[in-house]
Amino acid sequence: MKIAIVHDWLVTNAGAEKVLRAIVDIYPHADIYSLVDYLSDEDRKIVLKGKYAKTSFIQKLPFSKNNFRNYLPLFPKAIESFDLSAYGLIISSSWAVAKGVRKSKNQTHISYCYTPIRYAWDLYDEYTQNLKQPKKFLVSATLKYIRKWDISTLDRVDYFIADSNFVQERINRIYNREAIVIYPPVDVENFKFCEKKDDYYLTASRLVPYKKTKLIVEAFNEMPDKKLIVIGSGDDYENIQKIANKNIQLFGYQEKKNMIKYMQKAKAFIYAAVEDFGIVPIEALACGTPVIALDDGGTHETIKHKVNGIHFKKQNKENIMDAVNEFEMSKFDLKKISKDAQVYSTSRFQKEIKEFIEYNATYENK
């Protein structure tokens, strides 16, 4: 049958795009739809095998390349504008509105859901509490509209797949729908085991507030005898650079080969965000690098205390400092950490999701 893959937006090669790439590898002849497609040439080769997505009218709106998120009130109308009537199977890769595409009763829609829309649901207060009027009124009204629309489109999804037990619970709580869990693909094959470690800690992510990288830096400011390397770029880069002491090095964005090198040699990887799953910590584990992570979200499931890392309970520098000190008093089997991480492989993901999709799509279209 003809297959359509719908992704929220295509602007970078981040975690969701790694999932998208794995799905495109399964169904290389599928047509791809997205609100906007501004991938770089390099990312396009990696994520879409050089293909271009069919985009919505938002692609043509003024300043959409850098400011398409400002058109959030139009996202529902834009995603509903796609005519997918020619496809027997629709696969949405959704953390925002992709799951809301229109479909008929003769089509199967399977949604790989990273989370119900964060800023409209779980993070609503966080996104709105510091806004000033009249912006706060406008943003609040928009998000309430998005929530109402989000719920109204649930009957357009036949099956939900969650990327973690954490997200499965969200889908059940917010949508009152069941979901199976298929963990996302991780490139564990290229993040190879390295037993010899250097004397530094590592954190890597987009430098944006919710990743809490600044908090990690603040903790290491209080531990001048411990070296921290920070990899990543983003809005928080300059703020972090201003406060970082001499024991902290900011390396900005790094190519994958350099990222692997730093992952392999780090004595531990540190992660303080509440993630839906968290691919980067698994990449660290594949290198045989223990992970110090928040005991919440995806890392609550993937990081086992004193087995492949150390948990801390709260997002504050004192908890991070205590976790680092506990790590230094603990011993880990680095080979076992790497071996256990192989269960998150891309081949495993593709096998599980292909079996689920093709069984249920065939069933629906008998």
Protein backbone atom coordinates (compact mmCIF):
# COMPACT_ATOMS: atom_id res chain seq x y z
CA MET A 1 0.00 0.00 0.00
CA LYS A 2 1.03 3.62 -0.39
CA ILE A 3 2.57 5.04 2.77
CA ALA A 4 2.77 8.61 4.08
CA ILE A 5 5.14 9.57 6.90
CA VAL A 6 4.22 12.80 8.71
CA HIS A 7 6.81 14.62 10.85
CA ASP A 8 6.12 17.84 12.78
CA TRP A 9 8.91 19.97 11.30
CA LEU A 10 12.31 19.41 9.73
CA VAL A 11 14.95 21.92 10.77
CA THR A 12 17.76 19.89 12.37
CA ASN A 13 18.98 16.36 12.97
CA ALA A 14 18.01 15.79 16.60
CA GLY A 15 16.52 12.81 18.46
CA ALA A 16 13.17 12.70 16.65
CA GLU A 17 14.93 12.89 13.31
CA LYS A 18 16.98 9.81 14.22
CA VAL A 19 13.70 7.96 14.67
CA LEU A 20 12.40 9.38 11.40
CA ARG A 21 15.51 8.23 9.59
CA ALA A 22 15.06 4.69 10.90
CA ILE A 23 11.43 4.65 9.71
CA VAL A 24 12.41 6.04 6.30
CA ASP A 25 14.98 3.25 6.06
CA ILE A 26 12.16 0.72 6.55
CA TYR A 27 9.87 2.41 4.02
CA PRO A 28 12.18 4.21 1.55
CA HIS A 29 9.41 4.76 -1.00
CA ALA A 30 7.06 6.49 1.44
CA ASP A 31 6.15 10.12 0.87
CA ILE A 32 7.18 12.48 3.67
CA TYR A 33 5.10 15.39 4.93
CA SER A 34 6.12 18.14 7.34
CA LEU A 35 4.92 21.61 8.33
CA VAL A 36 8.25 23.01 7.13
CA ASP A 37 11.43 21.54 5.69
CA TYR A 38 14.59 23.58 6.23
CA LEU A 39 17.11 20.77 6.64
CA SER A 40 20.66 21.52 5.61
CA ASP A 41 22.05 19.55 2.69
CA GLU A 42 24.13 17.43 5.05
CA ASP A 43 21.22 16.66 7.40
CA ARG A 44 18.95 15.95 4.42
CA LYS A 45 21.28 13.20 3.22
CA ILE A 46 21.35 11.68 6.70
CA VAL A 47 17.69 11.99 7.71
CA LEU A 48 15.76 11.79 4.42
CA LYS A 49 18.30 10.13 2.10
CA GLY A 50 18.33 13.36 0.09
CA LYS A 51 14.56 13.57 -0.30
CA TYR A 52 12.42 16.66 0.34
CA ALA A 53 9.26 16.64 2.40
CA LYS A 54 5.94 17.88 1.09
CA THR A 55 5.36 20.99 3.19
CA SER A 56 2.41 23.07 4.38
CA PHE A 57 1.57 26.69 3.62
CA ILE A 58 3.68 27.72 6.64
CA GLN A 59 6.80 27.07 4.54
CA LYS A 60 5.81 30.04 2.34
CA LEU A 61 4.93 32.48 5.12
CA PRO A 62 7.26 35.43 5.82
CA PHE A 63 10.31 34.71 7.98
CA SER A 64 9.22 31.10 8.49
CA LYS A 65 12.74 29.71 8.12
CA ASN A 66 13.90 31.15 11.44
CA ASN A 67 10.58 31.95 13.10
CA PHE A 68 8.11 29.28 12.01
CA ARG A 69 7.25 28.54 15.67
CA ASN A 70 5.62 31.98 15.84
CA TYR A 71 2.91 30.54 13.61
CA LEU A 72 1.86 28.03 16.29
CA PRO A 73 -1.83 29.12 16.16
CA LEU A 74 -1.84 28.04 12.50
CA PHE A 75 -0.25 24.62 13.07
CA PRO A 76 -3.57 22.73 13.40
CA LYS A 77 -4.93 24.21 10.18
CA ALA A 78 -1.60 23.55 8.45
CA ILE A 79 -1.36 19.88 9.45
CA GLU A 80 -5.01 19.35 8.48
CA SER A 81 -4.35 20.85 5.05
CA PHE A 82 -2.47 17.77 3.87
CA ASP A 83 -4.51 15.57 1.54
CA LEU A 84 -3.48 12.03 2.46
CA SER A 85 -6.49 10.30 0.91
CA ALA A 86 -4.30 8.33 -1.53
CA TYR A 87 -2.45 6.47 1.24
CA GLY A 88 -3.45 3.24 2.91
CA LEU A 89 -1.05 3.74 5.81
CA ILE A 90 -0.13 6.94 7.65
CA ILE A 91 2.77 6.94 10.11
CA SER A 92 3.12 10.08 12.18
CA SER A 93 6.31 10.98 14.03
CA SER A 94 4.78 13.38 16.50
CA TRP A 95 5.66 15.52 19.51
CA ALA A 96 3.37 18.40 18.49
CA VAL A 97 0.67 18.30 15.80
CA ALA A 98 1.66 15.57 13.30
CA LYS A 99 -0.74 13.12 14.96
CA GLY A 100 -3.62 15.43 13.99
CA VAL A 101 -3.58 14.77 10.25
CA ARG A 102 -6.94 13.98 8.70
CA LYS A 103 -7.74 10.40 7.67
CA SER A 104 -10.67 8.30 6.53
CA LYS A 105 -12.03 5.11 8.10
CA ASN A 106 -10.36 3.09 5.35
CA GLN A 107 -6.89 4.26 6.32
CA THR A 108 -4.65 3.16 9.19
CA HIS A 109 -2.87 5.84 11.19
CA ILE A 110 -0.11 4.71 13.56
CA SER A 111 1.46 7.48 15.63
CA TYR A 112 4.95 7.18 17.10
CA CYS A 113 4.47 9.67 19.92
CA TYR A 114 7.43 11.30 21.67
CA THR A 115 5.04 13.10 24.00
CA PRO A 116 1.70 14.89 24.01
CA ILE A 117 2.47 18.53 23.20
CA ARG A 118 4.72 19.55 26.11
CA TYR A 119 4.03 23.27 26.20
CA ALA A 120 0.27 22.75 26.01
CA TRP A 121 0.12 20.09 28.72
CA ASP A 122 2.82 19.17 31.27
CA LEU A 123 4.94 22.29 30.72
CA TYR A 124 2.06 24.76 30.32
CA ASP A 125 2.79 26.57 33.61
CA GLU A 126 6.51 26.68 32.90
CA TYR A 127 5.95 28.26 29.50
CA THR A 128 3.48 30.88 30.69
CA GLN A 129 4.34 31.81 34.29
CA ASN A 130 7.02 34.41 33.51
CA LEU A 131 5.28 36.05 30.55
CA LYS A 132 4.00 39.59 30.85
CA GLN A 133 0.68 40.91 29.59
CA PRO A 134 -0.58 41.07 26.92
CA LYS A 135 1.75 38.33 25.66
CA LYS A 136 0.74 36.02 28.50
CA PHE A 137 -2.95 36.32 27.58
CA LEU A 138 -2.23 35.61 23.90
CA VAL A 139 0.04 32.63 24.62
CA SER A 140 -2.37 31.18 27.19
CA ALA A 141 -5.31 31.51 24.80
CA THR A 142 -3.31 29.85 22.00
CA LEU A 143 -2.25 26.92 24.17
CA LYS A 144 -5.79 26.37 25.43
CA TYR A 145 -6.92 26.27 21.80
CA ILE A 146 -4.11 23.80 20.98
CA ARG A 147 -5.16 21.55 23.89
CA LYS A 148 -8.77 21.52 22.77
CA TRP A 149 -7.75 20.74 19.18
CA ASP A 150 -5.30 18.08 20.37
CA ILE A 151 -8.04 16.17 22.19
CA SER A 152 -10.49 16.56 19.29
CA THR A 153 -8.10 14.76 16.91
CA LEU A 154 -7.61 11.61 18.97
CA ASP A 155 -10.01 9.58 16.85
CA ARG A 156 -7.67 10.14 13.90
CA VAL A 157 -5.07 7.84 15.49
CA ASP A 158 -5.68 4.10 15.35
CA TYR A 159 -2.62 3.07 17.36
CA PHE A 160 -0.19 4.95 19.59
CA ILE A 161 3.42 3.89 20.07
CA ALA A 162 5.23 5.60 22.96
CA ASP A 163 8.99 6.06 23.07
CA SER A 164 9.17 5.20 26.80
CA ASN A 165 7.06 4.05 29.74
CA PHE A 166 7.19 7.67 30.91
CA VAL A 167 5.45 8.83 27.72
CA GLN A 168 3.09 5.85 27.76
CA GLU A 169 1.81 7.10 31.12
CA ARG A 170 1.37 10.62 29.70
CA ILE A 171 -0.60 9.32 26.72
CA ASN A 172 -2.87 7.36 29.05
CA ARG A 173 -3.31 10.26 31.48
CA ILE A 174 -3.82 13.05 28.94
CA TYR A 175 -5.39 11.24 26.00
CA ASN A 176 -7.02 8.33 27.86
CA ARG A 177 -5.54 6.05 25.20
CA GLU A 178 -3.42 2.94 25.44
CA ALA A 179 0.03 2.82 23.83
CA ILE A 180 2.68 0.18 23.41
CA VAL A 181 6.30 1.11 24.14
CA ILE A 182 9.03 0.78 21.54
CA TYR A 183 12.25 2.48 22.60
CA PRO A 184 13.78 4.72 19.90
CA PRO A 185 16.84 3.70 17.88
CA VAL A 186 20.29 4.52 19.22
CA ASP A 187 23.45 4.31 17.13
CA VAL A 188 25.15 1.99 19.59
CA GLU A 189 27.20 0.41 16.81
CA ASN A 190 29.28 3.57 16.25
CA PHE A 191 29.55 4.56 19.91
CA LYS A 192 32.04 1.79 20.57
CA PHE A 193 33.27 0.56 23.92
CA CYS A 194 36.41 2.14 25.38
CA GLU A 195 37.75 0.90 28.68
CA LYS A 196 40.48 3.50 29.22
CA LYS A 197 38.99 6.70 30.63
CA ASP A 198 40.46 10.16 31.09
CA ASP A 199 39.98 12.37 34.13
CA TYR A 200 37.00 14.47 33.03
CA TYR A 201 33.22 14.48 33.17
CA LEU A 202 31.11 15.21 30.09
CA THR A 203 27.73 16.69 29.36
CA ALA A 204 26.32 17.22 25.86
CA SER A 205 23.00 18.56 24.61
CA ARG A 206 21.37 21.54 22.97
CA LEU A 207 22.09 24.46 25.29
CA VAL A 208 18.53 25.48 26.06
CA PRO A 209 17.01 26.08 29.51
CA TYR A 210 15.06 22.84 29.99
CA LYS A 211 18.21 20.75 29.41
CA LYS A 212 19.59 22.20 32.69
CA THR A 213 23.18 22.32 31.43
CA LYS A 214 23.68 25.60 33.28
CA LEU A 215 22.78 23.79 36.50
CA ILE A 216 25.46 21.17 35.86
CA VAL A 217 28.00 23.94 35.28
CA GLU A 218 26.96 25.65 38.52
CA ALA A 219 27.54 22.37 40.36
CA PHE A 220 31.02 21.97 38.90
CA ASN A 221 31.83 25.58 39.79
CA GLU A 222 31.57 24.31 43.38
CA MET A 223 33.94 21.39 42.62
CA PRO A 224 37.08 23.11 41.24
CA ASP A 225 39.13 19.90 41.47
CA LYS A 226 36.86 18.16 38.94
CA LYS A 227 37.02 18.84 35.19
CA LEU A 228 33.85 19.19 33.09
CA ILE A 229 33.59 19.34 29.30
CA VAL A 230 30.41 20.83 27.85
CA ILE A 231 29.47 20.04 24.24
CA GLY A 232 26.60 21.76 22.47
CA SER A 233 25.28 25.04 21.13
CA GLY A 234 22.13 27.02 21.70
CA ASP A 235 20.53 30.03 23.36
CA ASP A 236 22.16 29.31 26.73
CA TYR A 237 25.73 29.16 25.42
CA GLU A 238 26.77 32.72 26.27
CA ASN A 239 25.11 32.63 29.70
CA ILE A 240 26.91 29.39 30.53
CA GLN A 241 30.20 30.70 29.19
CA LYS A 242 29.98 33.75 31.46
CA ILE A 243 29.61 31.72 34.66
CA ALA A 244 31.93 28.78 33.90
CA ASN A 245 35.06 28.55 36.03
CA LYS A 246 38.48 27.41 34.80
CA ASN A 247 37.77 23.71 35.45
CA ILE A 248 34.98 23.83 32.85
CA GLN A 249 35.56 23.83 29.08
CA LEU A 250 32.87 24.70 26.53
CA PHE A 251 33.55 23.11 23.15
CA GLY A 252 30.36 24.16 21.35
CA TYR A 253 28.91 21.98 18.60
CA GLN A 254 31.04 18.96 17.68
CA GLU A 255 30.94 16.63 14.71
CA LYS A 256 29.80 13.10 15.47
CA LYS A 257 33.31 11.61 15.31
CA ASN A 258 34.51 14.09 17.95
CA MET A 259 31.45 13.49 20.10
CA ILE A 260 32.18 9.75 20.08
CA LYS A 261 35.79 10.39 21.10
CA TYR A 262 34.78 12.54 24.07
CA MET A 263 32.06 10.05 25.06
CA GLN A 264 34.50 7.16 25.00
CA LYS A 265 37.11 8.85 27.17
CA ALA A 266 34.85 10.52 29.76
CA LYS A 267 34.88 9.00 33.23
CA ALA A 268 31.11 9.70 33.41
CA PHE A 269 28.39 11.45 31.44
CA ILE A 270 26.11 13.87 33.31
CA TYR A 271 22.50 14.63 32.36
CA ALA A 272 20.04 16.74 34.34
CA ALA A 273 17.02 17.12 32.02
CA VAL A 274 13.62 15.47 32.31
CA GLU A 275 13.63 13.67 28.98
CA ASP A 276 10.91 11.67 27.29
CA PHE A 277 13.56 9.03 26.58
CA GLY A 278 17.07 10.48 26.23
CA ILE A 279 19.17 9.13 23.37
CA VAL A 280 22.47 10.80 24.31
CA PRO A 281 22.82 9.02 27.69
CA ILE A 282 22.42 5.67 25.89
CA GLU A 283 25.19 6.67 23.46
CA ALA A 284 27.39 7.22 26.51
CA LEU A 285 26.47 3.81 27.93
CA ALA A 286 27.37 2.16 24.62
CA CYS A 287 30.87 3.61 25.05
CA GLY A 288 31.08 1.99 28.47
CA THR A 289 30.72 5.39 30.13
CA PRO A 290 28.53 5.43 33.27
CA VAL A 291 25.79 8.08 33.40
CA ILE A 292 24.93 10.40 36.29
CA ALA A 293 21.31 11.38 35.62
CA LEU A 294 18.09 12.66 37.08
CA ASP A 295 15.86 9.93 38.47
CA ASP A 296 12.90 11.06 36.38
CA GLY A 297 11.57 10.74 32.85
CA GLY A 298 13.35 8.46 30.42
CA THR A 299 16.57 8.26 32.46
CA HIS A 300 14.57 6.80 35.36
CA GLU A 301 14.05 3.77 33.09
CA THR A 302 17.40 3.51 31.32
CA ILE A 303 19.85 4.39 34.10
CA LYS A 304 20.04 1.82 36.90
CA HIS A 305 21.48 3.19 40.15
CA LYS A 306 24.96 1.79 40.84
CA VAL A 307 24.63 -0.60 37.88
CA ASN A 308 25.25 1.66 34.87
CA GLY A 309 25.28 5.01 36.64
CA ILE A 310 24.10 7.14 39.54
CA HIS A 311 20.72 8.77 40.05
CA PHE A 312 20.01 12.10 41.72
CA LYS A 313 16.51 13.04 42.81
CA LYS A 314 16.19 16.80 42.29
CA GLN A 315 17.32 19.33 39.71
CA ASN A 316 19.64 21.34 41.94
CA LYS A 317 23.41 21.70 42.16
CA GLU A 318 23.60 20.10 45.61
CA ASN A 319 22.02 16.88 44.31
CA ILE A 320 24.37 16.84 41.32
CA MET A 321 27.41 17.37 43.54
CA ASP A 322 26.32 14.56 45.87
CA ALA A 323 25.80 12.24 42.87
CA VAL A 324 29.28 13.00 41.51
CA ASN A 325 30.81 12.26 44.91
CA GLU A 326 28.81 9.02 45.14
CA PHE A 327 29.98 8.06 41.66
CA GLU A 328 33.60 8.51 42.68
CA MET A 329 33.12 6.09 45.55
CA SER A 330 31.43 3.45 43.34
CA LYS A 331 32.74 0.80 40.98
CA PHE A 332 31.21 -0.18 37.65
CA ASP A 333 31.62 -3.01 35.16
CA LEU A 334 32.25 -0.90 32.05
CA LYS A 335 32.08 -3.83 29.61
CA LYS A 336 28.70 -4.88 30.99
CA ILE A 337 27.43 -1.30 30.73
CA SER A 338 28.34 -1.25 27.04
CA LYS A 339 26.97 -4.74 26.39
CA ASP A 340 23.62 -3.97 28.05
CA ALA A 341 23.24 -0.79 25.96
CA GLN A 342 23.13 -2.85 22.76
CA VAL A 343 19.43 -3.62 23.38
CA TYR A 344 18.66 -0.07 22.17
CA SER A 345 20.10 -0.68 18.69
CA THR A 346 18.61 0.66 15.47
CA SER A 347 18.10 -2.87 14.11
CA ARG A 348 16.05 -3.76 17.20
CA PHE A 349 13.89 -0.66 16.76
CA GLN A 350 13.31 -1.35 13.09
CA LYS A 351 12.37 -4.97 13.73
CA GLU A 352 9.90 -4.11 16.49
CA ILE A 353 8.25 -1.20 14.74
CA LYS A 354 8.03 -2.95 11.37
CA GLU A 355 6.37 -5.98 12.94
CA PHE A 356 3.86 -3.80 14.79
CA ILE A 357 3.07 -1.50 11.89
CA GLU A 358 2.74 -4.16 9.24
CA TYR A 359 0.64 -6.48 11.37
CA ASN A 360 -1.82 -3.78 12.35
CA ALA A 361 -1.91 -2.05 8.95
CA THR A 362 -2.65 -5.38 7.27
CA TYR A 363 -5.28 -6.18 9.86
CA GLU A 364 -7.05 -2.85 9.37
CA ASN A 365 -7.08 -3.18 5.61
CA LYS A 366 -8.33 -6.76 5.28
